Protein backbone atom coordinates (compact mmCIF):
# COMPACT_ATOMS: atom_id res chain seq x y z
CA MET A 1 100.69 106.82 150.21
CA LYS A 2 100.05 108.23 146.77
CA GLU A 3 100.90 106.00 143.80
CA LYS A 4 103.24 107.34 141.16
CA LEU A 5 101.83 107.56 137.64
CA TRP A 6 105.10 107.84 135.74
CA THR A 7 106.47 104.41 136.56
CA LYS A 8 108.72 102.20 134.46
CA ASP A 9 105.77 99.95 133.58
CA PHE A 10 103.68 102.94 132.50
CA TRP A 11 106.42 104.16 130.17
CA ALA A 12 106.97 100.67 128.74
CA ILE A 13 103.27 100.25 127.94
CA THR A 14 103.07 103.77 126.51
CA ILE A 15 106.06 103.25 124.22
CA VAL A 16 104.87 99.82 123.04
CA SER A 17 101.37 101.19 122.38
CA PHE A 18 102.79 104.11 120.42
CA ILE A 19 104.89 101.78 118.25
CA ILE A 20 101.96 99.42 117.62
CA PHE A 21 99.56 102.21 116.64
CA PHE A 22 102.23 103.91 114.54
CA VAL A 23 102.89 100.72 112.57
CA PHE A 24 99.15 100.03 112.24
CA TYR A 25 98.41 103.42 110.73
CA VAL A 26 101.51 103.36 108.51
CA LEU A 27 100.30 100.02 107.14
CA LEU A 28 96.82 101.45 106.74
CA THR A 29 98.08 104.33 104.62
CA LEU A 30 100.75 102.46 102.64
CA LEU A 31 98.82 99.26 101.94
CA PRO A 32 96.68 100.71 99.12
CA ILE A 33 99.76 102.27 97.50
CA TYR A 34 101.58 98.94 97.67
CA ILE A 35 98.57 97.06 96.29
CA ALA A 36 98.16 99.50 93.40
CA ASP A 37 101.86 99.77 92.49
CA ARG A 38 103.21 96.28 93.06
CA LEU A 39 100.15 94.15 92.45
CA HIS A 40 98.74 96.40 89.72
CA ALA A 41 95.30 96.44 91.32
CA SER A 42 92.71 99.08 90.57
CA ALA A 43 91.77 101.71 93.12
CA ASP A 44 88.50 99.96 94.01
CA LYS A 45 90.29 96.66 94.70
CA ALA A 46 92.91 98.42 96.81
CA GLY A 47 90.13 100.13 98.76
CA LEU A 48 88.33 96.82 99.25
CA LEU A 49 91.47 95.18 100.62
CA VAL A 50 92.07 98.07 103.03
CA THR A 51 88.43 97.76 104.12
CA CYS A 52 89.02 94.06 104.84
CA PHE A 53 92.14 95.01 106.83
CA LEU A 54 90.11 97.45 108.94
CA ALA A 55 87.14 95.09 109.25
CA ALA A 56 89.41 92.39 110.67
CA ALA A 57 90.70 94.87 113.26
CA ILE A 58 87.13 95.84 114.21
CA VAL A 59 85.83 92.26 114.38
CA ILE A 60 88.62 91.07 116.68
CA ARG A 61 88.09 93.81 119.30
CA PRO A 62 85.06 92.32 121.12
CA PHE A 63 86.90 89.01 121.41
CA ALA A 64 89.99 90.80 122.68
CA GLY A 65 87.85 92.41 125.38
CA GLN A 66 86.60 89.01 126.48
CA TRP A 67 90.12 87.59 126.52
CA VAL A 68 91.37 90.45 128.68
CA GLY A 69 88.52 89.76 131.12
CA LYS A 70 89.33 86.06 131.17
CA TYR A 71 93.15 86.11 131.25
CA SER A 72 95.67 88.47 132.80
CA ASN A 73 96.18 91.84 131.16
CA LYS A 74 99.93 91.36 130.95
CA LYS A 75 99.64 87.98 129.24
CA ILE A 76 97.22 89.33 126.62
CA LEU A 77 99.39 92.41 126.01
CA VAL A 78 102.54 90.35 125.52
CA LEU A 79 100.89 87.72 123.30
CA SER A 80 99.05 90.26 121.14
CA SER A 81 102.18 92.40 120.77
CA LEU A 82 104.20 89.36 119.70
CA ALA A 83 101.49 88.30 117.24
CA PHE A 84 101.40 91.83 115.81
CA LEU A 85 105.19 91.85 115.48
CA VAL A 86 105.26 88.50 113.67
CA ILE A 87 102.40 89.38 111.31
CA THR A 88 103.89 92.79 110.55
CA ALA A 89 107.26 91.20 109.81
CA LEU A 90 105.56 88.98 107.23
CA TYR A 91 104.55 92.00 105.13
CA PRO A 92 106.80 92.41 102.09
CA VAL A 93 109.35 95.16 102.26
């Protein structure tokens, strides 16, 4: 029997991934504007902080790969999504 690709789980993961990446890239583009306007930082300091934001995302990826290999995929997806939600909610509006 052929497995269906367009399952409820597939759509749930696709929608959650879209939201997470959308928020990530919105933060990536708006963070330097926020830093410059609200915190009165220069362009080089805003760029440095965005670089730190991206560097943290890059550094965590090898560890995330190890965690997915060690624990269940679903558990890692739920925990990382919750952590992302909490951390994103802590950003000032």
